[in-house]
Amino acid sequence: MNRRLFAIVAIVIGALLFAVPAAWALDPPAGPRWGAAGQPDKKPRGLYPQDERKQRALEQFMRHDRARDAVRAGKIRSLGEIRRQVNQQFPGRIVGVELYQRRQKWIYDVRVLNNAGDVIAVQMDARTGAVMSVRGRR
């Protein structure tokens, strides 16, 4: 019984190997591949997307280092000082903070959810702590 079953399985596997061509033997289709929306599929931005993720993580890490060094050198105020100042001027809960540099000037972009449920975007000079602009309902 075992020999008979083995022979049947071997014949089926052999037939499949010879009947179905290998995937690498087929030629790729010519022209762009079409996605579900009828548009050509996007090509990957790089050969190795995992390297791009590592590069972005490294850039973010370097931005943190630059910000920490600027605080230590006294070029900008610390996040804690900025948070206290924002909480005094704009009551509510801080839901987001971003620090970036524009034209050699450090800027804190702070998002506050006020008691009415509106989000206020406050841009502050990171060196002086002065409010540069306020967007949203107060």
N, C-alpha and C. Protein backbone atom coordinates (compact mmCIF):
# COMPACT_ATOMS: atom_id res chain seq x y z
N MET A 1 0.82 -1.19 0.00
CA MET A 1 0.00 0.00 0.00
C MET A 1 0.86 1.26 0.00
N ASN A 2 1.92 1.26 0.83
CA ASN A 2 2.80 2.42 0.90
C ASN A 2 3.53 2.65 -0.41
N ARG A 3 3.96 1.55 -1.07
CA ARG A 3 4.67 1.69 -2.35
C ARG A 3 3.74 2.24 -3.41
N ARG A 4 2.52 1.79 -3.38
CA ARG A 4 1.55 2.24 -4.37
C ARG A 4 1.25 3.73 -4.19
N LEU A 5 1.05 4.18 -2.93
CA LEU A 5 0.82 5.58 -2.63
C LEU A 5 2.04 6.43 -3.01
N PHE A 6 3.22 5.93 -2.70
CA PHE A 6 4.45 6.64 -3.05
C PHE A 6 4.57 6.80 -4.56
N ALA A 7 4.23 5.77 -5.32
CA ALA A 7 4.31 5.82 -6.78
C ALA A 7 3.32 6.85 -7.33
N ILE A 8 2.12 6.91 -6.78
CA ILE A 8 1.13 7.86 -7.25
C ILE A 8 1.58 9.29 -6.97
N VAL A 9 2.09 9.53 -5.77
CA VAL A 9 2.56 10.87 -5.40
C VAL A 9 3.73 11.26 -6.29
N ALA A 10 4.65 10.37 -6.55
CA ALA A 10 5.80 10.66 -7.40
C ALA A 10 5.36 11.00 -8.82
N ILE A 11 4.39 10.29 -9.34
CA ILE A 11 3.90 10.55 -10.70
C ILE A 11 3.23 11.93 -10.76
N VAL A 12 2.44 12.26 -9.75
CA VAL A 12 1.75 13.56 -9.74
C VAL A 12 2.78 14.70 -9.65
N ILE A 13 3.76 14.57 -8.76
CA ILE A 13 4.79 15.60 -8.62
C ILE A 13 5.59 15.73 -9.90
N GLY A 14 5.96 14.62 -10.50
CA GLY A 14 6.70 14.67 -11.76
C GLY A 14 5.91 15.34 -12.87
N ALA A 15 4.62 15.04 -12.94
CA ALA A 15 3.78 15.65 -13.97
C ALA A 15 3.68 17.16 -13.75
N LEU A 16 3.55 17.58 -12.51
CA LEU A 16 3.48 19.01 -12.22
C LEU A 16 4.79 19.72 -12.56
N LEU A 17 5.91 19.09 -12.27
CA LEU A 17 7.20 19.71 -12.57
C LEU A 17 7.40 19.91 -14.06
N PHE A 18 6.94 18.97 -14.86
CA PHE A 18 7.13 19.10 -16.30
C PHE A 18 6.03 19.91 -16.97
N ALA A 19 4.83 19.92 -16.40
CA ALA A 19 3.71 20.60 -17.03
C ALA A 19 3.71 22.11 -16.73
N VAL A 20 4.14 22.49 -15.54
CA VAL A 20 4.13 23.90 -15.14
C VAL A 20 5.52 24.47 -15.33
N PRO A 21 5.67 25.50 -16.16
CA PRO A 21 7.01 26.07 -16.35
C PRO A 21 7.46 26.82 -15.09
N ALA A 22 8.73 26.91 -14.92
CA ALA A 22 9.28 27.62 -13.78
C ALA A 22 8.98 29.12 -13.92
N ALA A 23 8.81 29.79 -12.81
CA ALA A 23 8.45 31.21 -12.82
C ALA A 23 9.55 32.04 -13.44
N TRP A 24 10.81 31.67 -13.24
CA TRP A 24 11.91 32.45 -13.80
C TRP A 24 12.08 32.24 -15.30
N ALA A 25 11.42 31.24 -15.85
CA ALA A 25 11.53 30.98 -17.27
C ALA A 25 10.58 31.85 -18.09
N LEU A 26 9.57 32.40 -17.45
CA LEU A 26 8.60 33.22 -18.17
C LEU A 26 9.16 34.62 -18.39
N ASP A 27 8.84 35.21 -19.52
CA ASP A 27 9.25 36.59 -19.78
C ASP A 27 8.32 37.53 -19.03
N PRO A 28 8.86 38.62 -18.48
CA PRO A 28 7.98 39.59 -17.81
C PRO A 28 7.12 40.30 -18.85
N PRO A 29 5.94 40.73 -18.48
CA PRO A 29 5.08 41.41 -19.45
C PRO A 29 5.71 42.73 -19.89
N ALA A 30 5.51 43.07 -21.13
CA ALA A 30 6.06 44.31 -21.67
C ALA A 30 5.19 45.48 -21.24
N GLY A 31 5.81 46.65 -21.10
CA GLY A 31 5.07 47.86 -20.75
C GLY A 31 4.85 47.97 -19.26
N PRO A 32 4.16 49.05 -18.85
CA PRO A 32 3.93 49.26 -17.41
C PRO A 32 2.90 48.29 -16.88
N ARG A 33 3.03 47.99 -15.60
CA ARG A 33 2.02 47.18 -14.94
C ARG A 33 0.90 48.12 -14.51
N TRP A 34 -0.32 47.62 -14.58
CA TRP A 34 -1.45 48.48 -14.26
C TRP A 34 -2.04 48.08 -12.94
N GLY A 35 -2.28 49.09 -12.10
CA GLY A 35 -2.85 48.86 -10.78
C GLY A 35 -4.36 48.80 -10.83
N ALA A 36 -4.97 48.77 -9.66
CA ALA A 36 -6.41 48.64 -9.56
C ALA A 36 -7.13 49.88 -10.09
N ALA A 37 -6.51 51.05 -9.98
CA ALA A 37 -7.17 52.29 -10.41
C ALA A 37 -6.93 52.59 -11.89
N GLY A 38 -6.33 51.68 -12.61
CA GLY A 38 -6.08 51.91 -14.02
C GLY A 38 -4.85 52.76 -14.28
N GLN A 39 -4.06 52.98 -13.26
CA GLN A 39 -2.83 53.76 -13.39
C GLN A 39 -1.63 52.84 -13.27
N PRO A 40 -0.52 53.19 -13.89
CA PRO A 40 0.66 52.34 -13.74
C PRO A 40 1.10 52.28 -12.29
N ASP A 41 1.54 51.09 -11.87
CA ASP A 41 2.05 50.93 -10.51
C ASP A 41 3.26 51.82 -10.31
N LYS A 42 3.40 52.36 -9.10
CA LYS A 42 4.56 53.18 -8.79
C LYS A 42 5.78 52.30 -8.64
N LYS A 43 6.89 52.81 -9.11
CA LYS A 43 8.14 52.09 -8.93
C LYS A 43 8.69 52.42 -7.56
N PRO A 44 9.39 51.49 -6.93
CA PRO A 44 9.98 51.81 -5.63
C PRO A 44 10.99 52.94 -5.77
N ARG A 45 11.05 53.81 -4.74
CA ARG A 45 11.94 54.96 -4.81
C ARG A 45 13.40 54.55 -4.81
N GLY A 46 13.72 53.47 -4.20
CA GLY A 46 15.11 53.03 -4.15
C GLY A 46 15.18 51.54 -4.31
N LEU A 47 16.36 51.05 -4.48
CA LEU A 47 16.51 49.61 -4.61
C LEU A 47 16.24 48.90 -3.30
N TYR A 48 16.59 49.54 -2.21
CA TYR A 48 16.47 48.90 -0.91
C TYR A 48 15.68 49.82 0.02
N PRO A 49 14.34 49.68 0.09
CA PRO A 49 13.54 50.57 0.92
C PRO A 49 13.92 50.52 2.40
N GLN A 50 14.40 49.38 2.89
CA GLN A 50 14.78 49.30 4.29
C GLN A 50 15.95 50.23 4.59
N ASP A 51 16.81 50.50 3.60
CA ASP A 51 17.90 51.45 3.79
C ASP A 51 17.37 52.87 3.92
N GLU A 52 16.29 53.19 3.20
CA GLU A 52 15.69 54.52 3.30
C GLU A 52 15.11 54.73 4.69
N ARG A 53 14.48 53.69 5.26
CA ARG A 53 13.94 53.80 6.61
C ARG A 53 15.07 54.02 7.61
N LYS A 54 16.16 53.32 7.44
CA LYS A 54 17.30 53.50 8.34
C LYS A 54 17.87 54.90 8.19
N GLN A 55 17.91 55.43 6.97
CA GLN A 55 18.43 56.77 6.74
C GLN A 55 17.54 57.81 7.40
N ARG A 56 16.20 57.64 7.29
CA ARG A 56 15.28 58.58 7.93
C ARG A 56 15.43 58.54 9.45
N ALA A 57 15.59 57.34 10.00
CA ALA A 57 15.76 57.22 11.45
C ALA A 57 17.06 57.88 11.89
N LEU A 58 18.11 57.73 11.10
CA LEU A 58 19.38 58.35 11.43
C LEU A 58 19.27 59.87 11.36
N GLU A 59 18.58 60.40 10.35
CA GLU A 59 18.39 61.85 10.23
C GLU A 59 17.59 62.38 11.41
N GLN A 60 16.57 61.66 11.83
CA GLN A 60 15.78 62.09 12.98
C GLN A 60 16.63 62.09 14.25
N PHE A 61 17.45 61.07 14.41
CA PHE A 61 18.35 60.99 15.56
C PHE A 61 19.32 62.16 15.56
N MET A 62 19.83 62.53 14.39
CA MET A 62 20.77 63.64 14.30
C MET A 62 20.06 64.97 14.61
N ARG A 63 18.79 65.12 14.22
CA ARG A 63 18.05 66.33 14.56
C ARG A 63 17.88 66.46 16.06
N HIS A 64 17.63 65.34 16.75
CA HIS A 64 17.51 65.36 18.20
C HIS A 64 18.83 65.80 18.83
N ASP A 65 19.93 65.29 18.30
CA ASP A 65 21.24 65.69 18.81
C ASP A 65 21.49 67.18 18.62
N ARG A 66 21.15 67.70 17.45
CA ARG A 66 21.34 69.13 17.18
C ARG A 66 20.50 69.97 18.11
N ALA A 67 19.25 69.55 18.36
CA ALA A 67 18.38 70.31 19.25
C ALA A 67 18.93 70.28 20.68
N ARG A 68 19.36 69.12 21.14
CA ARG A 68 19.92 69.02 22.49
C ARG A 68 21.17 69.86 22.64
N ASP A 69 22.02 69.85 21.62
CA ASP A 69 23.24 70.67 21.66
C ASP A 69 22.91 72.15 21.67
N ALA A 70 21.86 72.55 20.93
CA ALA A 70 21.45 73.96 20.91
C ALA A 70 20.92 74.40 22.26
N VAL A 71 20.19 73.53 22.96
CA VAL A 71 19.69 73.85 24.30
C VAL A 71 20.87 74.00 25.25
N ARG A 72 21.81 73.08 25.19
CA ARG A 72 22.98 73.13 26.08
C ARG A 72 23.82 74.37 25.83
N ALA A 73 23.90 74.80 24.57
CA ALA A 73 24.70 75.98 24.24
C ALA A 73 23.95 77.28 24.53
N GLY A 74 22.69 77.18 24.91
CA GLY A 74 21.90 78.37 25.21
C GLY A 74 21.34 79.07 23.99
N LYS A 75 21.37 78.41 22.84
CA LYS A 75 20.84 79.01 21.61
C LYS A 75 19.31 78.97 21.57
N ILE A 76 18.72 77.94 22.19
CA ILE A 76 17.26 77.83 22.22
C ILE A 76 16.83 77.46 23.63
N ARG A 77 15.54 77.67 23.91
CA ARG A 77 14.97 77.31 25.20
C ARG A 77 14.59 75.83 25.19
N SER A 78 14.56 75.25 26.36
CA SER A 78 14.21 73.83 26.45
C SER A 78 12.72 73.64 26.21
N LEU A 79 12.36 72.44 25.90
CA LEU A 79 10.95 72.11 25.64
C LEU A 79 10.11 72.34 26.89
N GLY A 80 10.65 72.05 28.06
CA GLY A 80 9.91 72.26 29.30
C GLY A 80 9.55 73.72 29.50
N GLU A 81 10.48 74.63 29.24
CA GLU A 81 10.20 76.06 29.36
C GLU A 81 9.11 76.49 28.38
N ILE A 82 9.22 76.02 27.15
CA ILE A 82 8.23 76.38 26.12
C ILE A 82 6.86 75.85 26.51
N ARG A 83 6.79 74.63 27.01
CA ARG A 83 5.50 74.04 27.42
C ARG A 83 4.86 74.86 28.54
N ARG A 84 5.67 75.26 29.54
CA ARG A 84 5.13 76.06 30.65
C ARG A 84 4.60 77.40 30.13
N GLN A 85 5.34 78.02 29.24
CA GLN A 85 4.92 79.32 28.71
C GLN A 85 3.64 79.19 27.89
N VAL A 86 3.55 78.15 27.08
CA VAL A 86 2.34 77.94 26.27
C VAL A 86 1.15 77.66 27.17
N ASN A 87 1.34 76.83 28.20
CA ASN A 87 0.23 76.53 29.11
C ASN A 87 -0.26 77.77 29.84
N GLN A 88 0.62 78.72 30.14
CA GLN A 88 0.21 79.97 30.80
C GLN A 88 -0.60 80.85 29.85
N GLN A 89 -0.18 80.93 28.60
CA GLN A 89 -0.83 81.84 27.65
C GLN A 89 -2.05 81.22 26.97
N PHE A 90 -2.04 79.91 26.77
CA PHE A 90 -3.12 79.23 26.05
C PHE A 90 -3.57 78.03 26.87
N PRO A 91 -4.61 78.19 27.71
CA PRO A 91 -5.06 77.07 28.53
C PRO A 91 -5.58 75.93 27.66
N GLY A 92 -5.25 74.74 28.05
CA GLY A 92 -5.66 73.55 27.32
C GLY A 92 -4.60 72.47 27.44
N ARG A 93 -4.67 71.51 26.57
CA ARG A 93 -3.72 70.40 26.60
C ARG A 93 -2.85 70.43 25.36
N ILE A 94 -1.54 70.32 25.55
CA ILE A 94 -0.61 70.31 24.42
C ILE A 94 -0.67 68.92 23.79
N VAL A 95 -1.00 68.89 22.49
CA VAL A 95 -1.15 67.61 21.80
C VAL A 95 -0.04 67.36 20.79
N GLY A 96 0.80 68.35 20.53
CA GLY A 96 1.90 68.14 19.59
C GLY A 96 2.90 69.27 19.64
N VAL A 97 4.16 68.89 19.51
CA VAL A 97 5.24 69.88 19.48
C VAL A 97 6.23 69.46 18.40
N GLU A 98 6.65 70.43 17.62
CA GLU A 98 7.66 70.17 16.59
C GLU A 98 8.68 71.30 16.65
N LEU A 99 9.94 70.95 16.55
CA LEU A 99 11.02 71.93 16.51
C LEU A 99 11.69 71.82 15.16
N TYR A 100 11.80 72.94 14.47
CA TYR A 100 12.47 72.93 13.18
C TYR A 100 13.24 74.22 13.00
N GLN A 101 14.07 74.24 11.99
CA GLN A 101 14.91 75.40 11.72
C GLN A 101 14.55 75.96 10.36
N ARG A 102 14.27 77.28 10.33
CA ARG A 102 13.95 77.94 9.08
C ARG A 102 14.82 79.19 8.98
N ARG A 103 15.64 79.24 7.94
CA ARG A 103 16.53 80.38 7.71
C ARG A 103 17.36 80.71 8.94
N GLN A 104 18.05 79.72 9.46
CA GLN A 104 18.94 79.87 10.61
C GLN A 104 18.21 80.27 11.88
N LYS A 105 16.89 80.09 11.93
CA LYS A 105 16.10 80.45 13.10
C LYS A 105 15.34 79.22 13.57
N TRP A 106 15.50 78.88 14.85
CA TRP A 106 14.80 77.74 15.42
C TRP A 106 13.38 78.16 15.80
N ILE A 107 12.40 77.30 15.48
CA ILE A 107 10.99 77.60 15.73
C ILE A 107 10.33 76.37 16.37
N TYR A 108 9.59 76.62 17.45
CA TYR A 108 8.74 75.59 18.04
C TYR A 108 7.34 75.77 17.46
N ASP A 109 6.76 74.69 16.96
CA ASP A 109 5.38 74.68 16.49
C ASP A 109 4.60 73.82 17.49
N VAL A 110 3.77 74.47 18.30
CA VAL A 110 3.07 73.79 19.39
C VAL A 110 1.58 73.74 19.05
N ARG A 111 0.98 72.56 19.20
CA ARG A 111 -0.46 72.39 18.97
C ARG A 111 -1.14 72.22 20.33
N VAL A 112 -2.16 73.04 20.58
CA VAL A 112 -2.87 73.03 21.86
C VAL A 112 -4.34 72.72 21.59
N LEU A 113 -4.87 71.76 22.33
CA LEU A 113 -6.31 71.47 22.29
C LEU A 113 -6.93 72.25 23.43
N ASN A 114 -7.68 73.31 23.09
CA ASN A 114 -8.23 74.17 24.15
C ASN A 114 -9.48 73.54 24.75
N ASN A 115 -10.02 74.20 25.76
CA ASN A 115 -11.16 73.65 26.50
C ASN A 115 -12.43 73.58 25.66
N ALA A 116 -12.50 74.38 24.59
CA ALA A 116 -13.66 74.34 23.70
C ALA A 116 -13.56 73.21 22.68
N GLY A 117 -12.41 72.52 22.63
CA GLY A 117 -12.23 71.41 21.70
C GLY A 117 -11.59 71.81 20.39
N ASP A 118 -11.11 73.03 20.27
CA ASP A 118 -10.45 73.50 19.06
C ASP A 118 -8.94 73.35 19.20
N VAL A 119 -8.27 73.11 18.08
CA VAL A 119 -6.82 73.00 18.07
C VAL A 119 -6.23 74.35 17.67
N ILE A 120 -5.31 74.82 18.47
CA ILE A 120 -4.62 76.08 18.22
C ILE A 120 -3.18 75.76 17.86
N ALA A 121 -2.68 76.33 16.77
CA ALA A 121 -1.29 76.15 16.37
C ALA A 121 -0.53 77.42 16.75
N VAL A 122 0.47 77.26 17.62
CA VAL A 122 1.24 78.40 18.10
C VAL A 122 2.68 78.21 17.64
N GLN A 123 3.19 79.19 16.92
CA GLN A 123 4.60 79.18 16.52
C GLN A 123 5.35 80.13 17.43
N MET A 124 6.46 79.61 18.01
CA MET A 124 7.24 80.40 18.96
C MET A 124 8.70 80.41 18.55
N ASP A 125 9.33 81.56 18.76
CA ASP A 125 10.76 81.67 18.54
C ASP A 125 11.43 80.84 19.63
N ALA A 126 12.23 79.87 19.24
CA ALA A 126 12.83 78.96 20.20
C ALA A 126 13.92 79.63 21.03
N ARG A 127 14.51 80.70 20.53
CA ARG A 127 15.58 81.38 21.27
C ARG A 127 15.01 82.28 22.36
N THR A 128 13.99 83.07 22.01
CA THR A 128 13.45 84.04 22.96
C THR A 128 12.18 83.57 23.65
N GLY A 129 11.46 82.64 23.04
CA GLY A 129 10.18 82.21 23.59
C GLY A 129 9.03 83.11 23.19
N ALA A 130 9.28 84.06 22.30
CA ALA A 130 8.23 84.98 21.86
C ALA A 130 7.26 84.27 20.91
N VAL A 131 5.99 84.59 21.05
CA VAL A 131 4.97 84.02 20.16
C VAL A 131 5.08 84.73 18.82
N MET A 132 5.27 83.95 17.76
CA MET A 132 5.40 84.51 16.42
C MET A 132 4.07 84.56 15.70
N SER A 133 3.27 83.49 15.84
CA SER A 133 1.95 83.47 15.20
C SER A 133 1.05 82.47 15.93
N VAL A 134 -0.24 82.73 15.82
CA VAL A 134 -1.26 81.84 16.41
C VAL A 134 -2.31 81.60 15.34
N ARG A 135 -2.60 80.34 15.09
CA ARG A 135 -3.64 79.98 14.12
C ARG A 135 -4.67 79.12 14.82
N GLY A 136 -5.92 79.34 14.50
CA GLY A 136 -7.00 78.56 15.10
C GLY A 136 -7.84 79.40 16.04
N ARG A 137 -8.97 78.83 16.49
CA ARG A 137 -9.86 79.54 17.40
C ARG A 137 -9.27 79.55 18.80
N ARG A 138 -9.41 80.68 19.45
CA ARG A 138 -8.91 80.77 20.84
C ARG A 138 -10.00 80.49 21.82
